[in-house]
Amino acid sequence: NLYASTEEINNTGFGRIFPAPSSNDKMETEEEDDEIPSEFISRKDLE
């Protein structure tokens, strides 16, 4: 079980590395579109 669990941890670890940058990219593009910090209302909420 120990060996299996370490493998699983490694797999999930590598799995998480790939989506993380893409989600950051999305957030950055949204912020670039909005050009506002989160302390103010978003364009989506206004609409």
ModelCIF file with pLDDT and N, C-alpha, C, O atoms, coordinates in Angstrom:
data_MODEL
#
_entry.id   MODEL 
#
_entity.id                         1 
_entity.type                       polymer 
_entity.pdbx_number_of_molecules   1 
#
_entity_poly.entity_id                      1 
_entity_poly.type                           'polypeptide(L)' 
_entity_poly.nstd_linkage                   no 
_entity_poly.nstd_monomer                   no 
_entity_poly.pdbx_seq_one_letter_code       NLYASTEEINNTGFGRIFPAPSSNDKMETEEEDDEIPSEFISRKDLE 
_entity_poly.pdbx_seq_one_letter_code_can   NLYASTEEINNTGFGRIFPAPSSNDKMETEEEDDEIPSEFISRKDLE 
_entity_poly.pdbx_strand_id                 A 
#
loop_
_entity_poly_seq.entity_id 
_entity_poly_seq.num 
_entity_poly_seq.mon_id 
_entity_poly_seq.hetero 
1 1  ASN n 
1 2  LEU n 
1 3  TYR n 
1 4  ALA n 
1 5  SER n 
1 6  THR n 
1 7  GLU n 
1 8  GLU n 
1 9  ILE n 
1 10 ASN n 
1 11 ASN n 
1 12 THR n 
1 13 GLY n 
1 14 PHE n 
1 15 GLY n 
1 16 ARG n 
1 17 ILE n 
1 18 PHE n 
1 19 PRO n 
1 20 ALA n 
1 21 PRO n 
1 22 SER n 
1 23 SER n 
1 24 ASN n 
1 25 ASP n 
1 26 LYS n 
1 27 MET n 
1 28 GLU n 
1 29 THR n 
1 30 GLU n 
1 31 GLU n 
1 32 GLU n 
1 33 ASP n 
1 34 ASP n 
1 35 GLU n 
1 36 ILE n 
1 37 PRO n 
1 38 SER n 
1 39 GLU n 
1 40 PHE n 
1 41 ILE n 
1 42 SER n 
1 43 ARG n 
1 44 LYS n 
1 45 ASP n 
1 46 LEU n 
1 47 GLU n 
#
_struct_asym.id          A 
_struct_asym.entity_id   1 
#
loop_
_ma_qa_metric.id 
_ma_qa_metric.mode 
_ma_qa_metric.name 
_ma_qa_metric.software_group_id 
_ma_qa_metric.type 
1 global pLDDT . pLDDT 
2 local  pLDDT . pLDDT 
#
_ma_qa_metric_global.metric_id      1 
_ma_qa_metric_global.metric_value   56.66 
_ma_qa_metric_global.model_id       1 
_ma_qa_metric_global.ordinal_id     1 
#
loop_
_ma_qa_metric_local.label_asym_id 
_ma_qa_metric_local.label_comp_id 
_ma_qa_metric_local.label_seq_id 
_ma_qa_metric_local.metric_id 
_ma_qa_metric_local.metric_value 
_ma_qa_metric_local.model_id 
_ma_qa_metric_local.ordinal_id 
A ASN 1  2 51.00 1 1  
A LEU 2  2 48.00 1 2  
A TYR 3  2 48.00 1 3  
A ALA 4  2 48.00 1 4  
A SER 5  2 48.00 1 5  
A THR 6  2 47.00 1 6  
A GLU 7  2 48.00 1 7  
A GLU 8  2 48.00 1 8  
A ILE 9  2 47.00 1 9  
A ASN 10 2 48.00 1 10 
A ASN 11 2 49.00 1 11 
A THR 12 2 48.00 1 12 
A GLY 13 2 48.00 1 13 
A PHE 14 2 48.00 1 14 
A GLY 15 2 48.00 1 15 
A ARG 16 2 49.00 1 16 
A ILE 17 2 51.00 1 17 
A PHE 18 2 50.00 1 18 
A PRO 19 2 50.00 1 19 
A ALA 20 2 49.00 1 20 
A PRO 21 2 47.00 1 21 
A SER 22 2 46.00 1 22 
A SER 23 2 44.00 1 23 
A ASN 24 2 46.00 1 24 
A ASP 25 2 45.00 1 25 
A LYS 26 2 43.00 1 26 
A MET 27 2 43.00 1 27 
A GLU 28 2 41.00 1 28 
A THR 29 2 38.00 1 29 
A GLU 30 2 41.00 1 30 
A GLU 31 2 41.00 1 31 
A GLU 32 2 42.00 1 32 
A ASP 33 2 47.00 1 33 
A ASP 34 2 47.00 1 34 
A GLU 35 2 54.00 1 35 
A ILE 36 2 56.00 1 36 
A PRO 37 2 60.00 1 37 
A SER 38 2 75.00 1 38 
A GLU 39 2 88.00 1 39 
A PHE 40 2 94.00 1 40 
A ILE 41 2 94.00 1 41 
A SER 42 2 93.00 1 42 
A ARG 43 2 92.00 1 43 
A LYS 44 2 93.00 1 44 
A ASP 45 2 94.00 1 45 
A LEU 46 2 94.00 1 46 
A GLU 47 2 94.00 1 47 
#
loop_
_atom_site.group_PDB 
_atom_site.id 
_atom_site.type_symbol 
_atom_site.label_atom_id 
_atom_site.label_alt_id 
_atom_site.label_comp_id 
_atom_site.label_asym_id 
_atom_site.label_entity_id 
_atom_site.label_seq_id 
_atom_site.pdbx_PDB_ins_code 
_atom_site.Cartn_x 
_atom_site.Cartn_y 
_atom_site.Cartn_z 
_atom_site.occupancy 
_atom_site.B_iso_or_equiv 
_atom_site.pdbx_formal_charge 
_atom_site.auth_seq_id 
_atom_site.auth_comp_id 
_atom_site.auth_asym_id 
_atom_site.auth_atom_id 
_atom_site.pdbx_PDB_model_num 
ATOM 1   N N  . ASN A 1 1  ? 0.821   -1.211 0.000   1.00 51.00 ? 1  ASN A N  1 
ATOM 2   C CA . ASN A 1 1  ? 0.000   0.000  0.000   1.00 51.00 ? 1  ASN A CA 1 
ATOM 3   C C  . ASN A 1 1  ? 0.856   1.262  0.000   1.00 51.00 ? 1  ASN A C  1 
ATOM 4   O O  . ASN A 1 1  ? 0.543   2.248  -0.668  1.00 51.00 ? 1  ASN A O  1 
ATOM 5   N N  . LEU A 1 2  ? 1.945   1.205  0.768   1.00 48.00 ? 2  LEU A N  1 
ATOM 6   C CA . LEU A 1 2  ? 2.821   2.367  0.838   1.00 48.00 ? 2  LEU A CA 1 
ATOM 7   C C  . LEU A 1 2  ? 3.363   2.711  -0.538  1.00 48.00 ? 2  LEU A C  1 
ATOM 8   O O  . LEU A 1 2  ? 3.387   3.873  -0.946  1.00 48.00 ? 2  LEU A O  1 
ATOM 9   N N  . TYR A 1 3  ? 3.796   1.677  -1.241  1.00 48.00 ? 3  TYR A N  1 
ATOM 10  C CA . TYR A 1 3  ? 4.376   1.884  -2.568  1.00 48.00 ? 3  TYR A CA 1 
ATOM 11  C C  . TYR A 1 3  ? 3.309   2.425  -3.526  1.00 48.00 ? 3  TYR A C  1 
ATOM 12  O O  . TYR A 1 3  ? 3.559   3.340  -4.310  1.00 48.00 ? 3  TYR A O  1 
ATOM 13  N N  . ALA A 1 4  ? 2.133   1.842  -3.440  1.00 48.00 ? 4  ALA A N  1 
ATOM 14  C CA . ALA A 1 4  ? 1.026   2.266  -4.308  1.00 48.00 ? 4  ALA A CA 1 
ATOM 15  C C  . ALA A 1 4  ? 0.648   3.709  -4.016  1.00 48.00 ? 4  ALA A C  1 
ATOM 16  O O  . ALA A 1 4  ? 0.415   4.503  -4.927  1.00 48.00 ? 4  ALA A O  1 
ATOM 17  N N  . SER A 1 5  ? 0.591   4.035  -2.717  1.00 48.00 ? 5  SER A N  1 
ATOM 18  C CA . SER A 1 5  ? 0.177   5.384  -2.346  1.00 48.00 ? 5  SER A CA 1 
ATOM 19  C C  . SER A 1 5  ? 1.187   6.419  -2.822  1.00 48.00 ? 5  SER A C  1 
ATOM 20  O O  . SER A 1 5  ? 0.810   7.513  -3.241  1.00 48.00 ? 5  SER A O  1 
ATOM 21  N N  . THR A 1 6  ? 2.487   6.069  -2.757  1.00 47.00 ? 6  THR A N  1 
ATOM 22  C CA . THR A 1 6  ? 3.490   7.027  -3.224  1.00 47.00 ? 6  THR A CA 1 
ATOM 23  C C  . THR A 1 6  ? 3.353   7.232  -4.729  1.00 47.00 ? 6  THR A C  1 
ATOM 24  O O  . THR A 1 6  ? 3.544   8.336  -5.237  1.00 47.00 ? 6  THR A O  1 
ATOM 25  N N  . GLU A 1 7  ? 3.021   6.157  -5.428  1.00 48.00 ? 7  GLU A N  1 
ATOM 26  C CA . GLU A 1 7  ? 2.819   6.282  -6.866  1.00 48.00 ? 7  GLU A CA 1 
ATOM 27  C C  . GLU A 1 7  ? 1.629   7.193  -7.164  1.00 48.00 ? 7  GLU A C  1 
ATOM 28  O O  . GLU A 1 7  ? 1.682   8.048  -8.048  1.00 48.00 ? 7  GLU A O  1 
ATOM 29  N N  . GLU A 1 8  ? 0.559   6.985  -6.400  1.00 48.00 ? 8  GLU A N  1 
ATOM 30  C CA . GLU A 1 8  ? -0.648  7.795  -6.599  1.00 48.00 ? 8  GLU A CA 1 
ATOM 31  C C  . GLU A 1 8  ? -0.345  9.262  -6.335  1.00 48.00 ? 8  GLU A C  1 
ATOM 32  O O  . GLU A 1 8  ? -0.771  10.149 -7.076  1.00 48.00 ? 8  GLU A O  1 
ATOM 33  N N  . ILE A 1 9  ? 0.404   9.495  -5.258  1.00 47.00 ? 9  ILE A N  1 
ATOM 34  C CA . ILE A 1 9  ? 0.741   10.879 -4.908  1.00 47.00 ? 9  ILE A CA 1 
ATOM 35  C C  . ILE A 1 9  ? 1.547   11.509 -6.029  1.00 47.00 ? 9  ILE A C  1 
ATOM 36  O O  . ILE A 1 9  ? 1.321   12.653 -6.421  1.00 47.00 ? 9  ILE A O  1 
ATOM 37  N N  . ASN A 1 10 ? 2.511   10.717 -6.542  1.00 48.00 ? 10 ASN A N  1 
ATOM 38  C CA . ASN A 1 10 ? 3.323   11.228 -7.642  1.00 48.00 ? 10 ASN A CA 1 
ATOM 39  C C  . ASN A 1 10 ? 2.466   11.538 -8.862  1.00 48.00 ? 10 ASN A C  1 
ATOM 40  O O  . ASN A 1 10 ? 2.632   12.571 -9.511  1.00 48.00 ? 10 ASN A O  1 
ATOM 41  N N  . ASN A 1 11 ? 1.541   10.618 -9.163  1.00 49.00 ? 11 ASN A N  1 
ATOM 42  C CA . ASN A 1 11 ? 0.692   10.813 -10.333 1.00 49.00 ? 11 ASN A CA 1 
ATOM 43  C C  . ASN A 1 11 ? -0.160  12.067 -10.197 1.00 49.00 ? 11 ASN A C  1 
ATOM 44  O O  . ASN A 1 11 ? -0.251  12.888 -11.110 1.00 49.00 ? 11 ASN A O  1 
ATOM 45  N N  . THR A 1 12 ? -0.787  12.189 -9.014  1.00 48.00 ? 12 THR A N  1 
ATOM 46  C CA . THR A 1 12 ? -1.640  13.365 -8.827  1.00 48.00 ? 12 THR A CA 1 
ATOM 47  C C  . THR A 1 12 ? -0.792  14.619 -8.815  1.00 48.00 ? 12 THR A C  1 
ATOM 48  O O  . THR A 1 12 ? -1.218  15.673 -9.287  1.00 48.00 ? 12 THR A O  1 
ATOM 49  N N  . GLY A 1 13 ? 0.401   14.503 -8.278  1.00 48.00 ? 13 GLY A N  1 
ATOM 50  C CA . GLY A 1 13 ? 1.302   15.657 -8.249  1.00 48.00 ? 13 GLY A CA 1 
ATOM 51  C C  . GLY A 1 13 ? 1.602   16.139 -9.656  1.00 48.00 ? 13 GLY A C  1 
ATOM 52  O O  . GLY A 1 13 ? 1.511   17.332 -9.947  1.00 48.00 ? 13 GLY A O  1 
ATOM 53  N N  . PHE A 1 14 ? 1.961   15.199 -10.532 1.00 48.00 ? 14 PHE A N  1 
ATOM 54  C CA . PHE A 1 14 ? 2.259   15.584 -11.898 1.00 48.00 ? 14 PHE A CA 1 
ATOM 55  C C  . PHE A 1 14 ? 1.002   16.076 -12.609 1.00 48.00 ? 14 PHE A C  1 
ATOM 56  O O  . PHE A 1 14 ? 1.057   16.975 -13.448 1.00 48.00 ? 14 PHE A O  1 
ATOM 57  N N  . GLY A 1 15 ? -0.141  15.462 -12.255 1.00 48.00 ? 15 GLY A N  1 
ATOM 58  C CA . GLY A 1 15 ? -1.413  15.855 -12.863 1.00 48.00 ? 15 GLY A CA 1 
ATOM 59  C C  . GLY A 1 15 ? -1.756  17.293 -12.542 1.00 48.00 ? 15 GLY A C  1 
ATOM 60  O O  . GLY A 1 15 ? -2.300  18.015 -13.378 1.00 48.00 ? 15 GLY A O  1 
ATOM 61  N N  . ARG A 1 16 ? -1.434  17.710 -11.317 1.00 49.00 ? 16 ARG A N  1 
ATOM 62  C CA . ARG A 1 16 ? -1.800  19.064 -10.899 1.00 49.00 ? 16 ARG A CA 1 
ATOM 63  C C  . ARG A 1 16 ? -0.905  20.124 -11.522 1.00 49.00 ? 16 ARG A C  1 
ATOM 64  O O  . ARG A 1 16 ? -1.310  21.275 -11.687 1.00 49.00 ? 16 ARG A O  1 
ATOM 65  N N  . ILE A 1 17 ? 0.302   19.729 -11.860 1.00 51.00 ? 17 ILE A N  1 
ATOM 66  C CA . ILE A 1 17 ? 1.235   20.714 -12.398 1.00 51.00 ? 17 ILE A CA 1 
ATOM 67  C C  . ILE A 1 17 ? 0.728   21.267 -13.729 1.00 51.00 ? 17 ILE A C  1 
ATOM 68  O O  . ILE A 1 17 ? 0.882   22.457 -14.002 1.00 51.00 ? 17 ILE A O  1 
ATOM 69  N N  . PHE A 1 18 ? 0.122   20.410 -14.562 1.00 50.00 ? 18 PHE A N  1 
ATOM 70  C CA . PHE A 1 18 ? -0.275  20.850 -15.891 1.00 50.00 ? 18 PHE A CA 1 
ATOM 71  C C  . PHE A 1 18 ? -1.476  21.791 -15.900 1.00 50.00 ? 18 PHE A C  1 
ATOM 72  O O  . PHE A 1 18 ? -1.422  22.824 -16.568 1.00 50.00 ? 18 PHE A O  1 
ATOM 73  N N  . PRO A 1 19 ? -2.589  21.469 -15.165 1.00 50.00 ? 19 PRO A N  1 
ATOM 74  C CA . PRO A 1 19 ? -3.723  22.394 -15.227 1.00 50.00 ? 19 PRO A CA 1 
ATOM 75  C C  . PRO A 1 19 ? -3.463  23.723 -14.543 1.00 50.00 ? 19 PRO A C  1 
ATOM 76  O O  . PRO A 1 19 ? -4.081  24.728 -14.893 1.00 50.00 ? 19 PRO A O  1 
ATOM 77  N N  . ALA A 1 20 ? -2.553  23.745 -13.567 1.00 49.00 ? 20 ALA A N  1 
ATOM 78  C CA . ALA A 1 20 ? -2.330  24.975 -12.794 1.00 49.00 ? 20 ALA A CA 1 
ATOM 79  C C  . ALA A 1 20 ? -1.979  26.171 -13.672 1.00 49.00 ? 20 ALA A C  1 
ATOM 80  O O  . ALA A 1 20 ? -2.605  27.223 -13.540 1.00 49.00 ? 20 ALA A O  1 
ATOM 81  N N  . PRO A 1 21 ? -0.972  26.040 -14.589 1.00 47.00 ? 21 PRO A N  1 
ATOM 82  C CA . PRO A 1 21 ? -0.657  27.212 -15.389 1.00 47.00 ? 21 PRO A CA 1 
ATOM 83  C C  . PRO A 1 21 ? -1.792  27.659 -16.287 1.00 47.00 ? 21 PRO A C  1 
ATOM 84  O O  . PRO A 1 21 ? -1.981  28.855 -16.507 1.00 47.00 ? 21 PRO A O  1 
ATOM 85  N N  . SER A 1 22 ? -2.567  26.681 -16.819 1.00 46.00 ? 22 SER A N  1 
ATOM 86  C CA . SER A 1 22 ? -3.657  27.057 -17.715 1.00 46.00 ? 22 SER A CA 1 
ATOM 87  C C  . SER A 1 22 ? -4.721  27.853 -16.969 1.00 46.00 ? 22 SER A C  1 
ATOM 88  O O  . SER A 1 22 ? -5.279  28.804 -17.516 1.00 46.00 ? 22 SER A O  1 
ATOM 89  N N  . SER A 1 23 ? -5.009  27.469 -15.714 1.00 44.00 ? 23 SER A N  1 
ATOM 90  C CA . SER A 1 23 ? -6.014  28.217 -14.955 1.00 44.00 ? 23 SER A CA 1 
ATOM 91  C C  . SER A 1 23 ? -5.488  29.609 -14.627 1.00 44.00 ? 23 SER A C  1 
ATOM 92  O O  . SER A 1 23 ? -6.246  30.579 -14.618 1.00 44.00 ? 23 SER A O  1 
ATOM 93  N N  . ASN A 1 24 ? -4.183  29.704 -14.356 1.00 46.00 ? 24 ASN A N  1 
ATOM 94  C CA . ASN A 1 24 ? -3.596  31.020 -14.103 1.00 46.00 ? 24 ASN A CA 1 
ATOM 95  C C  . ASN A 1 24 ? -3.679  31.894 -15.341 1.00 46.00 ? 24 ASN A C  1 
ATOM 96  O O  . ASN A 1 24 ? -3.946  33.093 -15.255 1.00 46.00 ? 24 ASN A O  1 
ATOM 97  N N  . ASP A 1 25 ? -3.446  31.278 -16.499 1.00 45.00 ? 25 ASP A N  1 
ATOM 98  C CA . ASP A 1 25 ? -3.533  32.028 -17.746 1.00 45.00 ? 25 ASP A CA 1 
ATOM 99  C C  . ASP A 1 25 ? -4.931  32.602 -17.934 1.00 45.00 ? 25 ASP A C  1 
ATOM 100 O O  . ASP A 1 25 ? -5.104  33.747 -18.352 1.00 45.00 ? 25 ASP A O  1 
ATOM 101 N N  . LYS A 1 26 ? -5.936  31.764 -17.610 1.00 43.00 ? 26 LYS A N  1 
ATOM 102 C CA . LYS A 1 26 ? -7.323  32.221 -17.752 1.00 43.00 ? 26 LYS A CA 1 
ATOM 103 C C  . LYS A 1 26 ? -7.580  33.414 -16.843 1.00 43.00 ? 26 LYS A C  1 
ATOM 104 O O  . LYS A 1 26 ? -8.186  34.407 -17.246 1.00 43.00 ? 26 LYS A O  1 
ATOM 105 N N  . MET A 1 27 ? -7.100  33.293 -15.599 1.00 43.00 ? 27 MET A N  1 
ATOM 106 C CA . MET A 1 27 ? -7.317  34.381 -14.646 1.00 43.00 ? 27 MET A CA 1 
ATOM 107 C C  . MET A 1 27 ? -6.636  35.658 -15.129 1.00 43.00 ? 27 MET A C  1 
ATOM 108 O O  . MET A 1 27 ? -7.191  36.750 -15.010 1.00 43.00 ? 27 MET A O  1 
ATOM 109 N N  . GLU A 1 28 ? -5.433  35.512 -15.674 1.00 41.00 ? 28 GLU A N  1 
ATOM 110 C CA . GLU A 1 28 ? -4.702  36.673 -16.148 1.00 41.00 ? 28 GLU A CA 1 
ATOM 111 C C  . GLU A 1 28 ? -5.420  37.332 -17.321 1.00 41.00 ? 28 GLU A C  1 
ATOM 112 O O  . GLU A 1 28 ? -5.498  38.558 -17.400 1.00 41.00 ? 28 GLU A O  1 
ATOM 113 N N  . THR A 1 29 ? -5.941  36.515 -18.226 1.00 38.00 ? 29 THR A N  1 
ATOM 114 C CA . THR A 1 29 ? -6.632  37.096 -19.374 1.00 38.00 ? 29 THR A CA 1 
ATOM 115 C C  . THR A 1 29 ? -7.916  37.796 -18.937 1.00 38.00 ? 29 THR A C  1 
ATOM 116 O O  . THR A 1 29 ? -8.275  38.842 -19.478 1.00 38.00 ? 29 THR A O  1 
ATOM 117 N N  . GLU A 1 30 ? -8.600  37.217 -17.959 1.00 41.00 ? 30 GLU A N  1 
ATOM 118 C CA . GLU A 1 30 ? -9.812  37.861 -17.461 1.00 41.00 ? 30 GLU A CA 1 
ATOM 119 C C  . GLU A 1 30 ? -9.470  39.208 -16.834 1.00 41.00 ? 30 GLU A C  1 
ATOM 120 O O  . GLU A 1 30 ? -10.164 40.202 -17.047 1.00 41.00 ? 30 GLU A O  1 
ATOM 121 N N  . GLU A 1 31 ? -8.390  39.223 -16.058 1.00 41.00 ? 31 GLU A N  1 
ATOM 122 C CA . GLU A 1 31 ? -7.989  40.467 -15.418 1.00 41.00 ? 31 GLU A CA 1 
ATOM 123 C C  . GLU A 1 31 ? -7.540  41.489 -16.451 1.00 41.00 ? 31 GLU A C  1 
ATOM 124 O O  . GLU A 1 31 ? -7.773  42.687 -16.289 1.00 41.00 ? 31 GLU A O  1 
ATOM 125 N N  . GLU A 1 32 ? -6.893  41.011 -17.518 1.00 42.00 ? 32 GLU A N  1 
ATOM 126 C CA . GLU A 1 32 ? -6.476  41.934 -18.562 1.00 42.00 ? 32 GLU A CA 1 
ATOM 127 C C  . GLU A 1 32 ? -7.687  42.533 -19.261 1.00 42.00 ? 32 GLU A C  1 
ATOM 128 O O  . GLU A 1 32 ? -7.693  43.715 -19.604 1.00 42.00 ? 32 GLU A O  1 
ATOM 129 N N  . ASP A 1 33 ? -8.714  41.712 -19.471 1.00 47.00 ? 33 ASP A N  1 
ATOM 130 C CA . ASP A 1 33 ? -9.938  42.206 -20.103 1.00 47.00 ? 33 ASP A CA 1 
ATOM 131 C C  . ASP A 1 33 ? -10.621 43.231 -19.208 1.00 47.00 ? 33 ASP A C  1 
ATOM 132 O O  . ASP A 1 33 ? -11.056 44.292 -19.657 1.00 47.00 ? 33 ASP A O  1 
ATOM 133 N N  . ASP A 1 34 ? -10.698 42.889 -17.960 1.00 47.00 ? 34 ASP A N  1 
ATOM 134 C CA . ASP A 1 34 ? -11.384 43.744 -16.997 1.00 47.00 ? 34 ASP A CA 1 
ATOM 135 C C  . ASP A 1 34 ? -10.510 44.915 -16.554 1.00 47.00 ? 34 ASP A C  1 
ATOM 136 O O  . ASP A 1 34 ? -10.994 46.027 -16.340 1.00 47.00 ? 34 ASP A O  1 
ATOM 137 N N  . GLU A 1 35 ? -9.227  44.642 -16.423 1.00 54.00 ? 35 GLU A N  1 
ATOM 138 C CA . GLU A 1 35 ? -8.248  45.626 -15.970 1.00 54.00 ? 35 GLU A CA 1 
ATOM 139 C C  . GLU A 1 35 ? -8.629  46.209 -14.611 1.00 54.00 ? 35 GLU A C  1 
ATOM 140 O O  . GLU A 1 35 ? -8.449  47.402 -14.370 1.00 54.00 ? 35 GLU A O  1 
ATOM 141 N N  . ILE A 1 36 ? -9.147  45.380 -13.744 1.00 56.00 ? 36 ILE A N  1 
ATOM 142 C CA . ILE A 1 36 ? -9.516  45.862 -12.411 1.00 56.00 ? 36 ILE A CA 1 
ATOM 143 C C  . ILE A 1 36 ? -9.118  44.843 -11.360 1.00 56.00 ? 36 ILE A C  1 
ATOM 144 O O  . ILE A 1 36 ? -9.099  43.642 -11.629 1.00 56.00 ? 36 ILE A O  1 
ATOM 145 N N  . PRO A 1 37 ? -8.800  45.318 -10.160 1.00 60.00 ? 37 PRO A N  1 
ATOM 146 C CA . PRO A 1 37 ? -8.525  44.379 -9.069  1.00 60.00 ? 37 PRO A CA 1 
ATOM 147 C C  . PRO A 1 37 ? -9.816  43.774 -8.530  1.00 60.00 ? 37 PRO A C  1 
ATOM 148 O O  . PRO A 1 37 ? -10.903 44.280 -8.810  1.00 60.00 ? 37 PRO A O  1 
ATOM 149 N N  . SER A 1 38 ? -9.705  42.713 -7.772  1.00 75.00 ? 38 SER A N  1 
ATOM 150 C CA . SER A 1 38 ? -10.885 41.972 -7.303  1.00 75.00 ? 38 SER A CA 1 
ATOM 151 C C  . SER A 1 38 ? -11.689 42.726 -6.244  1.00 75.00 ? 38 SER A C  1 
ATOM 152 O O  . SER A 1 38 ? -12.802 42.316 -5.914  1.00 75.00 ? 38 SER A O  1 
ATOM 153 N N  . GLU A 1 39 ? -11.139 43.831 -5.702  1.00 88.00 ? 39 GLU A N  1 
ATOM 154 C CA . GLU A 1 39 ? -11.882 44.560 -4.661  1.00 88.00 ? 39 GLU A CA 1 
ATOM 155 C C  . GLU A 1 39 ? -13.059 45.350 -5.231  1.00 88.00 ? 39 GLU A C  1 
ATOM 156 O O  . GLU A 1 39 ? -13.867 45.896 -4.480  1.00 88.00 ? 39 GLU A O  1 
ATOM 157 N N  . PHE A 1 40 ? -13.154 45.411 -6.576  1.00 94.00 ? 40 PHE A N  1 
ATOM 158 C CA . PHE A 1 40 ? -14.277 46.093 -7.215  1.00 94.00 ? 40 PHE A CA 1 
ATOM 159 C C  . PHE A 1 40 ? -15.137 45.082 -7.973  1.00 94.00 ? 40 PHE A C  1 
ATOM 160 O O  . PHE A 1 40 ? -14.728 43.949 -8.228  1.00 94.00 ? 40 PHE A O  1 
ATOM 161 N N  . ILE A 1 41 ? -16.315 45.524 -8.313  1.00 94.00 ? 41 ILE A N  1 
ATOM 162 C CA . ILE A 1 41 ? -17.262 44.626 -8.980  1.00 94.00 ? 41 ILE A CA 1 
ATOM 163 C C  . ILE A 1 41 ? -16.709 44.187 -10.340 1.00 94.00 ? 41 ILE A C  1 
ATOM 164 O O  . ILE A 1 41 ? -16.030 44.959 -11.017 1.00 94.00 ? 41 ILE A O  1 
ATOM 165 N N  . SER A 1 42 ? -17.001 42.960 -10.729 1.00 93.00 ? 42 SER A N  1 
ATOM 166 C CA . SER A 1 42 ? -16.544 42.459 -12.028 1.00 93.00 ? 42 SER A CA 1 
ATOM 167 C C  . SER A 1 42 ? -17.568 42.818 -13.101 1.00 93.00 ? 42 SER A C  1 
ATOM 168 O O  . SER A 1 42 ? -18.727 43.108 -12.804 1.00 93.00 ? 42 SER A O  1 
ATOM 169 N N  . ARG A 1 43 ? -17.119 42.793 -14.342 1.00 92.00 ? 43 ARG A N  1 
ATOM 170 C CA . ARG A 1 43 ? -18.025 43.119 -15.451 1.00 92.00 ? 43 ARG A CA 1 
ATOM 171 C C  . ARG A 1 43 ? -19.150 42.096 -15.550 1.00 92.00 ? 43 ARG A C  1 
ATOM 172 O O  . ARG A 1 43 ? -20.280 42.431 -15.904 1.00 92.00 ? 43 ARG A O  1 
ATOM 173 N N  . LYS A 1 44 ? -18.823 40.835 -15.230 1.00 93.00 ? 44 LYS A N  1 
ATOM 174 C CA . LYS A 1 44 ? -19.843 39.772 -15.266 1.00 93.00 ? 44 LYS A CA 1 
ATOM 175 C C  . LYS A 1 44 ? -20.970 40.058 -14.277 1.00 93.00 ? 44 LYS A C  1 
ATOM 176 O O  . LYS A 1 44 ? -22.149 39.916 -14.601 1.00 93.00 ? 44 LYS A O  1 
ATOM 177 N N  . ASP A 1 45 ? -20.582 40.468 -13.050 1.00 94.00 ? 45 ASP A N  1 
ATOM 178 C CA . ASP A 1 45 ? -21.598 40.763 -12.028 1.00 94.00 ? 45 ASP A CA 1 
ATOM 179 C C  . ASP A 1 45 ? -22.438 41.973 -12.427 1.00 94.00 ? 45 ASP A C  1 
ATOM 180 O O  . ASP A 1 45 ? -23.642 42.015 -12.177 1.00 94.00 ? 45 ASP A O  1 
ATOM 181 N N  . LEU A 1 46 ? -21.792 42.950 -13.047 1.00 94.00 ? 46 LEU A N  1 
ATOM 182 C CA . LEU A 1 46 ? -22.538 44.129 -13.510 1.00 94.00 ? 46 LEU A CA 1 
ATOM 183 C C  . LEU A 1 46 ? -23.578 43.715 -14.549 1.00 94.00 ? 46 LEU A C  1 
ATOM 184 O O  . LEU A 1 46 ? -24.734 44.134 -14.487 1.00 94.00 ? 46 LEU A O  1 
ATOM 185 N N  . GLU A 1 47 ? -23.156 42.895 -15.496 1.00 94.00 ? 47 GLU A N  1 
ATOM 186 C CA . GLU A 1 47 ? -24.065 42.454 -16.554 1.00 94.00 ? 47 GLU A CA 1 
ATOM 187 C C  . GLU A 1 47 ? -25.183 41.572 -16.012 1.00 94.00 ? 47 GLU A C  1 
ATOM 188 O O  . GLU A 1 47 ? -26.035 41.117 -16.775 1.00 94.00 ? 47 GLU A O  1 
#
